[in-house]
Amino acid sequence: MDRKLAVLLLVVLLLQVIDQSEALGGERWRKWNQNVKQLRDFLITAIGEEQIIADIEREASMSK
């Protein structure tokens, strides 16, 4: 698997985890959400939002 694709999948999974844990709410999830959001923000900053979008669009067009 391409390294960029693996990172993109990780970002997507992190976003899904954030959505699910925010739906659960509660105090015990608050720290978890904060850590996951920091990791997500780091990955987006490191790769670049435009590059992530371009890679997702490229992969989507290749899978059709």
PDB file of N, CA and C in Angstrom:
ATOM      1  N   MET A   1       0.850  -1.180   0.000  1.00  0.00           N
ATOM      2  CA  MET A   1       0.000   0.000   0.000  1.00  0.00           C
ATOM      3  C   MET A   1       0.893   1.240   0.000  1.00  0.00           C
ATOM      4  N   ASP A   2       0.516   2.175  -0.809  1.00  0.00           N
ATOM      5  CA  ASP A   2       1.241   3.428  -0.897  1.00  0.00           C
ATOM      6  C   ASP A   2       1.220   4.142   0.456  1.00  0.00           C
ATOM      7  N   ARG A   3       2.330   4.735   0.817  1.00  0.00           N
ATOM      8  CA  ARG A   3       2.435   5.398   2.127  1.00  0.00           C
ATOM      9  C   ARG A   3       1.433   6.545   2.271  1.00  0.00           C
ATOM     10  N   LYS A   4       1.280   7.337   1.219  1.00  0.00           N
ATOM     11  CA  LYS A   4       0.329   8.456   1.282  1.00  0.00           C
ATOM     12  C   LYS A   4      -1.098   7.950   1.454  1.00  0.00           C
ATOM     13  N   LEU A   5      -1.417   6.879   0.755  1.00  0.00           N
ATOM     14  CA  LEU A   5      -2.760   6.317   0.885  1.00  0.00           C
ATOM     15  C   LEU A   5      -2.996   5.811   2.303  1.00  0.00           C
ATOM     16  N   ALA A   6      -1.985   5.198   2.889  1.00  0.00           N
ATOM     17  CA  ALA A   6      -2.113   4.722   4.267  1.00  0.00           C
ATOM     18  C   ALA A   6      -2.359   5.883   5.225  1.00  0.00           C
ATOM     19  N   VAL A   7      -1.666   6.989   5.030  1.00  0.00           N
ATOM     20  CA  VAL A   7      -1.859   8.160   5.888  1.00  0.00           C
ATOM     21  C   VAL A   7      -3.251   8.748   5.670  1.00  0.00           C
ATOM     22  N   LEU A   8      -3.694   8.787   4.421  1.00  0.00           N
ATOM     23  CA  LEU A   8      -5.040   9.288   4.141  1.00  0.00           C
ATOM     24  C   LEU A   8      -6.100   8.433   4.824  1.00  0.00           C
ATOM     25  N   LEU A   9      -5.917   7.132   4.771  1.00  0.00           N
ATOM     26  CA  LEU A   9      -6.861   6.245   5.449  1.00  0.00           C
ATOM     27  C   LEU A   9      -6.844   6.479   6.948  1.00  0.00           C
ATOM     28  N   LEU A  10      -5.668   6.728   7.499  1.00  0.00           N
ATOM     29  CA  LEU A  10      -5.560   7.015   8.930  1.00  0.00           C
ATOM     30  C   LEU A  10      -6.309   8.294   9.281  1.00  0.00           C
ATOM     31  N   VAL A  11      -6.168   9.319   8.463  1.00  0.00           N
ATOM     32  CA  VAL A  11      -6.877  10.579   8.716  1.00  0.00           C
ATOM     33  C   VAL A  11      -8.387  10.359   8.673  1.00  0.00           C
ATOM     34  N   VAL A  12      -8.853   9.616   7.681  1.00  0.00           N
ATOM     35  CA  VAL A  12     -10.290   9.340   7.576  1.00  0.00           C
ATOM     36  C   VAL A  12     -10.775   8.559   8.792  1.00  0.00           C
ATOM     37  N   LEU A  13     -10.009   7.557   9.208  1.00  0.00           N
ATOM     38  CA  LEU A  13     -10.390   6.785  10.393  1.00  0.00           C
ATOM     39  C   LEU A  13     -10.410   7.652  11.641  1.00  0.00           C
ATOM     40  N   LEU A  14      -9.446   8.551  11.768  1.00  0.00           N
ATOM     41  CA  LEU A  14      -9.432   9.449  12.923  1.00  0.00           C
ATOM     42  C   LEU A  14     -10.666  10.336  12.944  1.00  0.00           C
ATOM     43  N   LEU A  15     -11.061  10.823  11.785  1.00  0.00           N
ATOM     44  CA  LEU A  15     -12.270  11.650  11.719  1.00  0.00           C
ATOM     45  C   LEU A  15     -13.505  10.852  12.130  1.00  0.00           C
ATOM     46  N   GLN A  16     -13.564   9.598  11.722  1.00  0.00           N
ATOM     47  CA  GLN A  16     -14.696   8.755  12.110  1.00  0.00           C
ATOM     48  C   GLN A  16     -14.689   8.469  13.604  1.00  0.00           C
ATOM     49  N   VAL A  17     -13.507   8.239  14.168  1.00  0.00           N
ATOM     50  CA  VAL A  17     -13.403   8.001  15.608  1.00  0.00           C
ATOM     51  C   VAL A  17     -13.860   9.230  16.378  1.00  0.00           C
ATOM     52  N   ILE A  18     -13.465  10.410  15.919  1.00  0.00           N
ATOM     53  CA  ILE A  18     -13.879  11.649  16.582  1.00  0.00           C
ATOM     54  C   ILE A  18     -15.397  11.775  16.547  1.00  0.00           C
ATOM     55  N   ASP A  19     -15.990  11.531  15.383  1.00  0.00           N
ATOM     56  CA  ASP A  19     -17.449  11.634  15.268  1.00  0.00           C
ATOM     57  C   ASP A  19     -18.149  10.672  16.217  1.00  0.00           C
ATOM     58  N   GLN A  20     -17.688   9.442  16.276  1.00  0.00           N
ATOM     59  CA  GLN A  20     -18.324   8.439  17.133  1.00  0.00           C
ATOM     60  C   GLN A  20     -18.154   8.768  18.611  1.00  0.00           C
ATOM     61  N   SER A  21     -16.952   9.169  18.995  1.00  0.00           N
ATOM     62  CA  SER A  21     -16.716   9.438  20.415  1.00  0.00           C
ATOM     63  C   SER A  21     -17.414  10.716  20.870  1.00  0.00           C
ATOM     64  N   GLU A  22     -17.553  11.704  19.976  1.00  0.00           N
ATOM     65  CA  GLU A  22     -18.306  12.904  20.336  1.00  0.00           C
ATOM     66  C   GLU A  22     -19.780  12.576  20.517  1.00  0.00           C
ATOM     67  N   ALA A  23     -20.271  11.626  19.744  1.00  0.00           N
ATOM     68  CA  ALA A  23     -21.663  11.212  19.899  1.00  0.00           C
ATOM     69  C   ALA A  23     -21.873  10.539  21.255  1.00  0.00           C
ATOM     70  N   LEU A  24     -20.860   9.810  21.719  1.00  0.00           N
ATOM     71  CA  LEU A  24     -20.966   9.162  23.026  1.00  0.00           C
ATOM     72  C   LEU A  24     -20.904  10.178  24.157  1.00  0.00           C
ATOM     73  N   GLY A  25     -20.089  11.215  23.949  1.00  0.00           N
ATOM     74  CA  GLY A  25     -19.952  12.267  24.960  1.00  0.00           C
ATOM     75  C   GLY A  25     -19.341  11.738  26.244  1.00  0.00           C
ATOM     76  N   GLY A  26     -19.481  12.503  27.284  1.00  0.00           N
ATOM     77  CA  GLY A  26     -18.974  12.078  28.577  1.00  0.00           C
ATOM     78  C   GLY A  26     -17.555  12.540  28.838  1.00  0.00           C
ATOM     79  N   GLU A  27     -17.199  12.525  30.105  1.00  0.00           N
ATOM     80  CA  GLU A  27     -15.894  13.023  30.552  1.00  0.00           C
ATOM     81  C   GLU A  27     -14.744  12.135  30.083  1.00  0.00           C
ATOM     82  N   ARG A  28     -14.938  10.828  30.106  1.00  0.00           N
ATOM     83  CA  ARG A  28     -13.820   9.942  29.775  1.00  0.00           C
ATOM     84  C   ARG A  28     -13.411  10.045  28.317  1.00  0.00           C
ATOM     85  N   TRP A  29     -14.304  10.498  27.451  1.00  0.00           N
ATOM     86  CA  TRP A  29     -13.971  10.637  26.041  1.00  0.00           C
ATOM     87  C   TRP A  29     -13.350  11.989  25.720  1.00  0.00           C
ATOM     88  N   ARG A  30     -13.451  12.950  26.626  1.00  0.00           N
ATOM     89  CA  ARG A  30     -12.981  14.302  26.339  1.00  0.00           C
ATOM     90  C   ARG A  30     -11.472  14.335  26.055  1.00  0.00           C
ATOM     91  N   LYS A  31     -10.673  13.683  26.888  1.00  0.00           N
ATOM     92  CA  LYS A  31      -9.219  13.657  26.686  1.00  0.00           C
ATOM     93  C   LYS A  31      -8.870  12.881  25.417  1.00  0.00           C
ATOM     94  N   TRP A  32      -9.570  11.782  25.192  1.00  0.00           N
ATOM     95  CA  TRP A  32      -9.350  10.988  23.983  1.00  0.00           C
ATOM     96  C   TRP A  32      -9.600  11.841  22.744  1.00  0.00           C
ATOM     97  N   ASN A  33     -10.718  12.557  22.715  1.00  0.00           N
ATOM     98  CA  ASN A  33     -11.045  13.420  21.581  1.00  0.00           C
ATOM     99  C   ASN A  33      -9.964  14.465  21.353  1.00  0.00           C
ATOM    100  N   GLN A  34      -9.473  15.041  22.435  1.00  0.00           N
ATOM    101  CA  GLN A  34      -8.438  16.067  22.330  1.00  0.00           C
ATOM    102  C   GLN A  34      -7.174  15.484  21.702  1.00  0.00           C
ATOM    103  N   ASN A  35      -6.762  14.300  22.137  1.00  0.00           N
ATOM    104  CA  ASN A  35      -5.559  13.669  21.591  1.00  0.00           C
ATOM    105  C   ASN A  35      -5.732  13.292  20.126  1.00  0.00           C
ATOM    106  N   VAL A  36      -6.884  12.759  19.773  1.00  0.00           N
ATOM    107  CA  VAL A  36      -7.141  12.371  18.389  1.00  0.00           C
ATOM    108  C   VAL A  36      -7.172  13.601  17.489  1.00  0.00           C
ATOM    109  N   LYS A  37      -7.787  14.674  17.950  1.00  0.00           N
ATOM    110  CA  LYS A  37      -7.835  15.907  17.157  1.00  0.00           C
ATOM    111  C   LYS A  37      -6.439  16.487  16.951  1.00  0.00           C
ATOM    112  N   GLN A  38      -5.584  16.412  17.974  1.00  0.00           N
ATOM    113  CA  GLN A  38      -4.216  16.901  17.829  1.00  0.00           C
ATOM    114  C   GLN A  38      -3.459  16.075  16.792  1.00  0.00           C
ATOM    115  N   LEU A  39      -3.638  14.759  16.819  1.00  0.00           N
ATOM    116  CA  LEU A  39      -2.984  13.904  15.835  1.00  0.00           C
ATOM    117  C   LEU A  39      -3.505  14.194  14.433  1.00  0.00           C
ATOM    118  N   ARG A  40      -4.810  14.350  14.297  1.00  0.00           N
ATOM    119  CA  ARG A  40      -5.408  14.679  13.005  1.00  0.00           C
ATOM    120  C   ARG A  40      -4.858  16.001  12.473  1.00  0.00           C
ATOM    121  N   ASP A  41      -4.824  17.020  13.329  1.00  0.00           N
ATOM    122  CA  ASP A  41      -4.327  18.332  12.915  1.00  0.00           C
ATOM    123  C   ASP A  41      -2.861  18.269  12.511  1.00  0.00           C
ATOM    124  N   PHE A  42      -2.073  17.480  13.234  1.00  0.00           N
ATOM    125  CA  PHE A  42      -0.661  17.317  12.888  1.00  0.00           C
ATOM    126  C   PHE A  42      -0.515  16.686  11.510  1.00  0.00           C
ATOM    127  N   LEU A  43      -1.281  15.629  11.243  1.00  0.00           N
ATOM    128  CA  LEU A  43      -1.185  14.965   9.946  1.00  0.00           C
ATOM    129  C   LEU A  43      -1.621  15.888   8.817  1.00  0.00           C
ATOM    130  N   ILE A  44      -2.696  16.630   9.032  1.00  0.00           N
ATOM    131  CA  ILE A  44      -3.168  17.555   8.001  1.00  0.00           C
ATOM    132  C   ILE A  44      -2.131  18.638   7.746  1.00  0.00           C
ATOM    133  N   THR A  45      -1.514  19.147   8.803  1.00  0.00           N
ATOM    134  CA  THR A  45      -0.484  20.176   8.655  1.00  0.00           C
ATOM    135  C   THR A  45       0.751  19.613   7.962  1.00  0.00           C
ATOM    136  N   ALA A  46       1.152  18.408   8.342  1.00  0.00           N
ATOM    137  CA  ALA A  46       2.366  17.813   7.781  1.00  0.00           C
ATOM    138  C   ALA A  46       2.206  17.510   6.293  1.00  0.00           C
ATOM    139  N   ILE A  47       1.059  17.017   5.895  1.00  0.00           N
ATOM    140  CA  ILE A  47       0.845  16.645   4.501  1.00  0.00           C
ATOM    141  C   ILE A  47       0.356  17.834   3.687  1.00  0.00           C
ATOM    142  N   GLY A  48      -0.486  18.622   4.260  1.00  0.00           N
ATOM    143  CA  GLY A  48      -1.087  19.743   3.547  1.00  0.00           C
ATOM    144  C   GLY A  48      -2.489  19.379   3.108  1.00  0.00           C
ATOM    145  N   GLU A  49      -3.424  20.241   3.433  1.00  0.00           N
ATOM    146  CA  GLU A  49      -4.831  19.958   3.145  1.00  0.00           C
ATOM    147  C   GLU A  49      -5.083  19.795   1.654  1.00  0.00           C
ATOM    148  N   GLU A  50      -4.466  20.639   0.819  1.00  0.00           N
ATOM    149  CA  GLU A  50      -4.673  20.547  -0.621  1.00  0.00           C
ATOM    150  C   GLU A  50      -4.154  19.223  -1.163  1.00  0.00           C
ATOM    151  N   GLN A  51      -3.015  18.780  -0.637  1.00  0.00           N
ATOM    152  CA  GLN A  51      -2.445  17.510  -1.087  1.00  0.00           C
ATOM    153  C   GLN A  51      -3.341  16.342  -0.691  1.00  0.00           C
ATOM    154  N   ILE A  52      -3.905  16.396   0.507  1.00  0.00           N
ATOM    155  CA  ILE A  52      -4.807  15.335   0.957  1.00  0.00           C
ATOM    156  C   ILE A  52      -6.027  15.267   0.049  1.00  0.00           C
ATOM    157  N   ILE A  53      -6.614  16.423  -0.247  1.00  0.00           N
ATOM    158  CA  ILE A  53      -7.794  16.458  -1.114  1.00  0.00           C
ATOM    159  C   ILE A  53      -7.447  15.937  -2.507  1.00  0.00           C
ATOM    160  N   ALA A  54      -6.315  16.359  -3.042  1.00  0.00           N
ATOM    161  CA  ALA A  54      -5.900  15.905  -4.372  1.00  0.00           C
ATOM    162  C   ALA A  54      -5.675  14.396  -4.389  1.00  0.00           C
ATOM    163  N   ASP A  55      -5.061  13.857  -3.346  1.00  0.00           N
ATOM    164  CA  ASP A  55      -4.817  12.417  -3.281  1.00  0.00           C
ATOM    165  C   ASP A  55      -6.115  11.630  -3.174  1.00  0.00           C
ATOM    166  N   ILE A  56      -7.046  12.128  -2.371  1.00  0.00           N
ATOM    167  CA  ILE A  56      -8.341  11.451  -2.234  1.00  0.00           C
ATOM    168  C   ILE A  56      -9.077  11.461  -3.573  1.00  0.00           C
ATOM    169  N   GLU A  57      -9.067  12.595  -4.256  1.00  0.00           N
ATOM    170  CA  GLU A  57      -9.737  12.679  -5.556  1.00  0.00           C
ATOM    171  C   GLU A  57      -9.069  11.760  -6.571  1.00  0.00           C
ATOM    172  N   ARG A  58      -7.747  11.687  -6.553  1.00  0.00           N
ATOM    173  CA  ARG A  58      -7.024  10.813  -7.477  1.00  0.00           C
ATOM    174  C   ARG A  58      -7.365   9.349  -7.207  1.00  0.00           C
ATOM    175  N   GLU A  59      -7.340   8.959  -5.936  1.00  0.00           N
ATOM    176  CA  GLU A  59      -7.656   7.573  -5.581  1.00  0.00           C
ATOM    177  C   GLU A  59      -9.099   7.230  -5.932  1.00  0.00           C
ATOM    178  N   ALA A  60     -10.007   8.183  -5.725  1.00  0.00           N
ATOM    179  CA  ALA A  60     -11.415   7.942  -6.045  1.00  0.00           C
ATOM    180  C   ALA A  60     -11.605   7.745  -7.547  1.00  0.00           C
ATOM    181  N   SER A  61     -10.908   8.542  -8.352  1.00  0.00           N
ATOM    182  CA  SER A  61     -11.054   8.411  -9.801  1.00  0.00           C
ATOM    183  C   SER A  61     -10.415   7.119 -10.306  1.00  0.00           C
ATOM    184  N   MET A  62      -9.371   6.650  -9.640  1.00  0.00           N
ATOM    185  CA  MET A  62      -8.716   5.408 -10.044  1.00  0.00           C
ATOM    186  C   MET A  62      -9.558   4.185  -9.682  1.00  0.00           C
ATOM    187  N   SER A  63     -10.367   4.285  -8.650  1.00  0.00           N
ATOM    188  CA  SER A  63     -11.150   3.130  -8.208  1.00  0.00           C
ATOM    189  C   SER A  63     -12.449   2.956  -8.988  1.00  0.00           C
ATOM    190  N   LYS A  64     -12.784   3.923  -9.837  1.00  0.00           N
ATOM    191  CA  LYS A  64     -14.033   3.835 -10.621  1.00  0.00           C
ATOM    192  C   LYS A  64     -13.874   2.919 -11.799  1.00  0.00           C
TER     193      LYS A  64
END
